[in-house]
PDB file of all heavy atoms in Angstrom:
ATOM      1  N   LYS A   1     114.316  75.158  65.315  1.00  0.00           N
ATOM      2  CA  LYS A   1     114.094  76.568  64.971  1.00  0.00           C
ATOM      3  C   LYS A   1     115.318  77.145  64.279  1.00  0.00           C
ATOM      4  O   LYS A   1     116.435  76.645  64.420  1.00  0.00           O
ATOM      5  CB  LYS A   1     113.777  77.377  66.228  1.00  0.00           C
ATOM      6  CG  LYS A   1     112.447  77.017  66.873  1.00  0.00           C
ATOM      7  CD  LYS A   1     112.099  77.994  67.971  1.00  0.00           C
ATOM      8  CE  LYS A   1     110.729  77.698  68.568  1.00  0.00           C
ATOM      9  NZ  LYS A   1     110.367  78.668  69.634  1.00  0.00           N
ATOM     10  N   GLU A   2     115.084  78.230  63.554  1.00  0.00           N
ATOM     11  CA  GLU A   2     116.186  78.899  62.888  1.00  0.00           C
ATOM     12  C   GLU A   2     117.028  79.662  63.917  1.00  0.00           C
ATOM     13  O   GLU A   2     116.541  80.069  64.965  1.00  0.00           O
ATOM     14  CB  GLU A   2     115.658  79.865  61.824  1.00  0.00           C
ATOM     15  CG  GLU A   2     115.023  79.183  60.631  1.00  0.00           C
ATOM     16  CD  GLU A   2     114.686  80.169  59.534  1.00  0.00           C
ATOM     17  OE1 GLU A   2     114.900  81.374  59.720  1.00  0.00           O
ATOM     18  OE2 GLU A   2     114.209  79.722  58.480  1.00  0.00           O
ATOM     19  N   ARG A   3     118.267  79.867  63.541  1.00  0.00           N
ATOM     20  CA  ARG A   3     119.160  80.660  64.389  1.00  0.00           C
ATOM     21  C   ARG A   3     118.648  82.097  64.402  1.00  0.00           C
ATOM     22  O   ARG A   3     118.343  82.665  63.352  1.00  0.00           O
ATOM     23  CB  ARG A   3     120.573  80.585  63.831  1.00  0.00           C
ATOM     24  CG  ARG A   3     121.657  80.999  64.775  1.00  0.00           C
ATOM     25  CD  ARG A   3     123.016  80.575  64.234  1.00  0.00           C
ATOM     26  NE  ARG A   3     123.159  79.116  64.207  1.00  0.00           N
ATOM     27  CZ  ARG A   3     124.296  78.509  63.911  1.00  0.00           C
ATOM     28  NH1 ARG A   3     125.380  79.218  63.622  1.00  0.00           N
ATOM     29  NH2 ARG A   3     124.355  77.196  63.901  1.00  0.00           N
ATOM     30  N   GLU A   4     118.533  82.686  65.590  1.00  0.00           N
ATOM     31  CA  GLU A   4     117.995  84.039  65.679  1.00  0.00           C
ATOM     32  C   GLU A   4     119.015  84.997  66.287  1.00  0.00           C
ATOM     33  O   GLU A   4     119.797  84.636  67.179  1.00  0.00           O
ATOM     34  CB  GLU A   4     116.695  84.073  66.489  1.00  0.00           C
ATOM     35  CG  GLU A   4     116.822  83.605  67.923  1.00  0.00           C
ATOM     36  CD  GLU A   4     115.490  83.640  68.671  1.00  0.00           C
ATOM     37  OE1 GLU A   4     114.453  83.968  68.066  1.00  0.00           O
ATOM     38  OE2 GLU A   4     115.503  83.347  69.875  1.00  0.00           O
ATOM     39  N   TYR A   5     118.961  86.197  65.814  1.00  0.00           N
ATOM     40  CA  TYR A   5     119.863  87.270  66.244  1.00  0.00           C
ATOM     41  C   TYR A   5     119.496  87.713  67.648  1.00  0.00           C
ATOM     42  O   TYR A   5     118.317  87.875  67.961  1.00  0.00           O
ATOM     43  CB  TYR A   5     119.732  88.427  65.256  1.00  0.00           C
ATOM     44  CG  TYR A   5     120.504  89.668  65.559  1.00  0.00           C
ATOM     45  CD1 TYR A   5     121.846  89.783  65.214  1.00  0.00           C
ATOM     46  CD2 TYR A   5     119.878  90.760  66.145  1.00  0.00           C
ATOM     47  CE1 TYR A   5     122.542  90.948  65.453  1.00  0.00           C
ATOM     48  CE2 TYR A   5     120.558  91.929  66.391  1.00  0.00           C
ATOM     49  CZ  TYR A   5     121.902  92.023  66.037  1.00  0.00           C
ATOM     50  OH  TYR A   5     122.585  93.188  66.269  1.00  0.00           O
ATOM     51  N   VAL A   6     120.521  87.934  68.466  1.00  0.00           N
ATOM     52  CA  VAL A   6     120.298  88.382  69.836  1.00  0.00           C
ATOM     53  C   VAL A   6     120.821  89.804  70.036  1.00  0.00           C
ATOM     54  O   VAL A   6     120.105  90.684  70.502  1.00  0.00           O
ATOM     55  CB  VAL A   6     120.980  87.431  70.838  1.00  0.00           C
ATOM     56  CG1 VAL A   6     120.852  87.966  72.264  1.00  0.00           C
ATOM     57  CG2 VAL A   6     120.391  86.031  70.735  1.00  0.00           C
ATOM     58  N   ALA A   7     122.083  90.022  69.664  1.00  0.00           N
ATOM     59  CA  ALA A   7     122.699  91.331  69.890  1.00  0.00           C
ATOM     60  C   ALA A   7     123.926  91.462  69.005  1.00  0.00           C
ATOM     61  O   ALA A   7     124.505  90.458  68.577  1.00  0.00           O
ATOM     62  CB  ALA A   7     123.087  91.506  71.356  1.00  0.00           C
ATOM     63  N   GLY A   8     124.323  92.713  68.741  1.00  0.00           N
ATOM     64  CA  GLY A   8     125.493  92.950  67.925  1.00  0.00           C
ATOM     65  C   GLY A   8     126.247  94.184  68.382  1.00  0.00           C
ATOM     66  O   GLY A   8     125.677  95.075  69.040  1.00  0.00           O
ATOM     67  N   ILE A   9     127.515  94.246  68.021  1.00  0.00           N
ATOM     68  CA  ILE A   9     128.353  95.397  68.350  1.00  0.00           C
ATOM     69  C   ILE A   9     129.302  95.623  67.182  1.00  0.00           C
ATOM     70  O   ILE A   9     129.868  94.674  66.630  1.00  0.00           O
ATOM     71  CB  ILE A   9     129.113  95.167  69.679  1.00  0.00           C
ATOM     72  CG1 ILE A   9     129.864  96.419  70.112  1.00  0.00           C
ATOM     73  CG2 ILE A   9     130.025  93.961  69.605  1.00  0.00           C
ATOM     74  CD1 ILE A   9     130.355  96.355  71.563  1.00  0.00           C
ATOM     75  N   ASN A  10     129.453  96.896  66.789  1.00  0.00           N
ATOM     76  CA  ASN A  10     130.303  97.139  65.628  1.00  0.00           C
ATOM     77  C   ASN A  10     131.775  97.045  66.015  1.00  0.00           C
ATOM     78  O   ASN A  10     132.118  96.879  67.190  1.00  0.00           O
ATOM     79  CB  ASN A  10     129.950  98.475  64.983  1.00  0.00           C
ATOM     80  CG  ASN A  10     130.627  99.655  65.667  1.00  0.00           C
ATOM     81  OD1 ASN A  10     130.561  99.787  66.871  1.00  0.00           O
ATOM     82  ND2 ASN A  10     131.278 100.487  64.872  1.00  0.00           N
ATOM     83  N   TRP A  11     132.665  97.197  65.035  1.00  0.00           N
ATOM     84  CA  TRP A  11     134.075  96.896  65.265  1.00  0.00           C
ATOM     85  C   TRP A  11     134.701  97.780  66.343  1.00  0.00           C
ATOM     86  O   TRP A  11     135.584  97.349  67.070  1.00  0.00           O
ATOM     87  CB  TRP A  11     134.864  97.047  63.952  1.00  0.00           C
ATOM     88  CG  TRP A  11     134.988  98.480  63.501  1.00  0.00           C
ATOM     89  CD1 TRP A  11     134.090  99.213  62.787  1.00  0.00           C
ATOM     90  CD2 TRP A  11     136.079  99.368  63.789  1.00  0.00           C
ATOM     91  NE1 TRP A  11     134.548 100.483  62.598  1.00  0.00           N
ATOM     92  CE2 TRP A  11     135.759 100.620  63.200  1.00  0.00           C
ATOM     93  CE3 TRP A  11     137.279  99.224  64.468  1.00  0.00           C
ATOM     94  CZ2 TRP A  11     136.611 101.709  63.291  1.00  0.00           C
ATOM     95  CZ3 TRP A  11     138.133 100.311  64.549  1.00  0.00           C
ATOM     96  CH2 TRP A  11     137.786 101.546  63.962  1.00  0.00           C
ATOM     97  N   SER A  12     134.250  99.008  66.461  1.00  0.00           N
ATOM     98  CA  SER A  12     134.854  99.922  67.434  1.00  0.00           C
ATOM     99  C   SER A  12     134.142  99.916  68.784  1.00  0.00           C
ATOM    100  O   SER A  12     134.654 100.473  69.752  1.00  0.00           O
ATOM    101  CB  SER A  12     134.845 101.341  66.876  1.00  0.00           C
ATOM    102  OG  SER A  12     133.518 101.806  66.736  1.00  0.00           O
ATOM    103  N   GLY A  13     132.956  99.313  68.836  1.00  0.00           N
ATOM    104  CA  GLY A  13     132.187  99.323  70.066  1.00  0.00           C
ATOM    105  C   GLY A  13     131.269 100.511  70.208  1.00  0.00           C
ATOM    106  O   GLY A  13     130.565 100.644  71.211  1.00  0.00           O
ATOM    107  N   VAL A  14     131.251 101.384  69.192  1.00  0.00           N
ATOM    108  CA  VAL A  14     130.416 102.585  69.257  1.00  0.00           C
ATOM    109  C   VAL A  14     128.941 102.251  69.135  1.00  0.00           C
ATOM    110  O   VAL A  14     128.086 102.878  69.768  1.00  0.00           O
ATOM    111  CB  VAL A  14     130.838 103.579  68.150  1.00  0.00           C
ATOM    112  CG1 VAL A  14     129.825 104.697  68.013  1.00  0.00           C
ATOM    113  CG2 VAL A  14     132.222 104.137  68.438  1.00  0.00           C
ATOM    114  N   THR A  15     128.642 101.265  68.307  1.00  0.00           N
ATOM    115  CA  THR A  15     127.248 100.923  68.028  1.00  0.00           C
ATOM    116  C   THR A  15     126.916  99.549  68.603  1.00  0.00           C
ATOM    117  O   THR A  15     127.654  98.586  68.391  1.00  0.00           O
ATOM    118  CB  THR A  15     126.991 100.894  66.509  1.00  0.00           C
ATOM    119  OG1 THR A  15     127.348 102.142  65.946  1.00  0.00           O
ATOM    120  CG2 THR A  15     125.524 100.606  66.231  1.00  0.00           C
ATOM    121  N   THR A  16     125.816  99.491  69.325  1.00  0.00           N
ATOM    122  CA  THR A  16     125.301  98.209  69.791  1.00  0.00           C
ATOM    123  C   THR A  16     123.837  98.090  69.380  1.00  0.00           C
ATOM    124  O   THR A  16     123.162  99.096  69.128  1.00  0.00           O
ATOM    125  CB  THR A  16     125.414  98.053  71.313  1.00  0.00           C
ATOM    126  OG1 THR A  16     124.692  99.122  71.949  1.00  0.00           O
ATOM    127  CG2 THR A  16     126.854  98.074  71.765  1.00  0.00           C
ATOM    128  N   ASP A  17     123.389  96.873  69.320  1.00  0.00           N
ATOM    129  CA  ASP A  17     122.028  96.612  68.859  1.00  0.00           C
ATOM    130  C   ASP A  17     121.504  95.370  69.562  1.00  0.00           C
ATOM    131  O   ASP A  17     122.262  94.424  69.795  1.00  0.00           O
ATOM    132  CB  ASP A  17     122.042  96.396  67.335  1.00  0.00           C
ATOM    133  CG  ASP A  17     120.669  96.116  66.782  1.00  0.00           C
ATOM    134  OD1 ASP A  17     119.752  96.898  67.064  1.00  0.00           O
ATOM    135  OD2 ASP A  17     120.501  95.098  66.071  1.00  0.00           O
ATOM    136  N   TYR A  18     120.214  95.388  69.893  1.00  0.00           N
ATOM    137  CA  TYR A  18     119.603  94.263  70.597  1.00  0.00           C
ATOM    138  C   TYR A  18     118.253  93.944  69.975  1.00  0.00           C
ATOM    139  O   TYR A  18     117.504  94.840  69.575  1.00  0.00           O
ATOM    140  CB  TYR A  18     119.393  94.599  72.076  1.00  0.00           C
ATOM    141  CG  TYR A  18     120.663  94.953  72.810  1.00  0.00           C
ATOM    142  CD1 TYR A  18     121.103  96.271  72.869  1.00  0.00           C
ATOM    143  CD2 TYR A  18     121.424  93.971  73.430  1.00  0.00           C
ATOM    144  CE1 TYR A  18     122.283  96.601  73.532  1.00  0.00           C
ATOM    145  CE2 TYR A  18     122.594  94.289  74.110  1.00  0.00           C
ATOM    146  CZ  TYR A  18     123.020  95.603  74.147  1.00  0.00           C
ATOM    147  OH  TYR A  18     124.179  95.928  74.805  1.00  0.00           O
ATOM    148  N   THR A  19     117.944  92.679  69.954  1.00  0.00           N
ATOM    149  CA  THR A  19     116.602  92.311  69.554  1.00  0.00           C
ATOM    150  C   THR A  19     115.655  92.610  70.721  1.00  0.00           C
ATOM    151  O   THR A  19     116.079  92.692  71.882  1.00  0.00           O
ATOM    152  CB  THR A  19     116.550  90.837  69.146  1.00  0.00           C
ATOM    153  OG1 THR A  19     115.324  90.576  68.475  1.00  0.00           O
ATOM    154  CG2 THR A  19     116.676  89.936  70.356  1.00  0.00           C
ATOM    155  N   ASP A  20     114.393  92.799  70.418  1.00  0.00           N
ATOM    156  CA  ASP A  20     113.445  93.286  71.428  1.00  0.00           C
ATOM    157  C   ASP A  20     113.358  92.386  72.652  1.00  0.00           C
ATOM    158  O   ASP A  20     113.201  92.874  73.780  1.00  0.00           O
ATOM    159  CB  ASP A  20     112.057  93.447  70.804  1.00  0.00           C
ATOM    160  CG  ASP A  20     111.973  94.658  69.894  1.00  0.00           C
ATOM    161  OD1 ASP A  20     112.878  95.515  69.975  1.00  0.00           O
ATOM    162  OD2 ASP A  20     111.012  94.744  69.106  1.00  0.00           O
ATOM    163  N   PHE A  21     113.475  91.089  72.446  1.00  0.00           N
ATOM    164  CA  PHE A  21     113.226  90.203  73.581  1.00  0.00           C
ATOM    165  C   PHE A  21     114.378  90.149  74.585  1.00  0.00           C
ATOM    166  O   PHE A  21     114.274  89.494  75.617  1.00  0.00           O
ATOM    167  CB  PHE A  21     112.801  88.798  73.126  1.00  0.00           C
ATOM    168  CG  PHE A  21     113.680  88.163  72.091  1.00  0.00           C
ATOM    169  CD1 PHE A  21     114.914  87.632  72.446  1.00  0.00           C
ATOM    170  CD2 PHE A  21     113.279  88.077  70.773  1.00  0.00           C
ATOM    171  CE1 PHE A  21     115.728  87.032  71.500  1.00  0.00           C
ATOM    172  CE2 PHE A  21     114.081  87.491  69.814  1.00  0.00           C
ATOM    173  CZ  PHE A  21     115.310  86.965  70.172  1.00  0.00           C
ATOM    174  N   VAL A  22     115.487  90.845  74.316  1.00  0.00           N
ATOM    175  CA  VAL A  22     116.567  90.876  75.296  1.00  0.00           C
ATOM    176  C   VAL A  22     116.901  92.298  75.743  1.00  0.00           C
ATOM    177  O   VAL A  22     117.745  92.475  76.637  1.00  0.00           O
ATOM    178  CB  VAL A  22     117.854  90.195  74.785  1.00  0.00           C
ATOM    179  CG1 VAL A  22     117.559  88.766  74.344  1.00  0.00           C
ATOM    180  CG2 VAL A  22     118.493  90.990  73.663  1.00  0.00           C
ATOM    181  N   LYS A  23     116.276  93.293  75.142  1.00  0.00           N
ATOM    182  CA  LYS A  23     116.568  94.681  75.514  1.00  0.00           C
ATOM    183  C   LYS A  23     116.316  94.910  76.997  1.00  0.00           C
ATOM    184  O   LYS A  23     115.300  94.497  77.545  1.00  0.00           O
ATOM    185  CB  LYS A  23     115.709  95.643  74.686  1.00  0.00           C
ATOM    186  CG  LYS A  23     116.236  95.891  73.295  1.00  0.00           C
ATOM    187  CD  LYS A  23     115.352  96.883  72.533  1.00  0.00           C
ATOM    188  CE  LYS A  23     115.879  97.109  71.124  1.00  0.00           C
ATOM    189  NZ  LYS A  23     115.007  98.002  70.342  1.00  0.00           N
ATOM    190  N   GLY A  24     117.263  95.549  77.633  1.00  0.00           N
ATOM    191  CA  GLY A  24     117.145  95.825  79.052  1.00  0.00           C
ATOM    192  C   GLY A  24     117.621  94.697  79.944  1.00  0.00           C
ATOM    193  O   GLY A  24     117.746  94.862  81.155  1.00  0.00           O
ATOM    194  N   ARG A  25     117.889  93.522  79.355  1.00  0.00           N
ATOM    195  CA  ARG A  25     118.352  92.374  80.141  1.00  0.00           C
ATOM    196  C   ARG A  25     119.767  91.938  79.752  1.00  0.00           C
ATOM    197  O   ARG A  25     120.527  91.488  80.593  1.00  0.00           O
ATOM    198  CB  ARG A  25     117.397  91.185  79.964  1.00  0.00           C
ATOM    199  CG  ARG A  25     115.970  91.471  80.395  1.00  0.00           C
ATOM    200  CD  ARG A  25     115.125  90.195  80.405  1.00  0.00           C
ATOM    201  NE  ARG A  25     115.015  89.581  79.092  1.00  0.00           N
ATOM    202  CZ  ARG A  25     115.382  88.341  78.805  1.00  0.00           C
ATOM    203  NH1 ARG A  25     115.916  87.563  79.737  1.00  0.00           N
ATOM    204  NH2 ARG A  25     115.219  87.850  77.576  1.00  0.00           N
TER     205      ARG A  25
END
């Protein structure tokens, strides 16, 4: 399978992002 995105955080930590299948976990 292709490499898939899980989560990210910007350089300062202000912004975070999660793919749907890990949100809340």
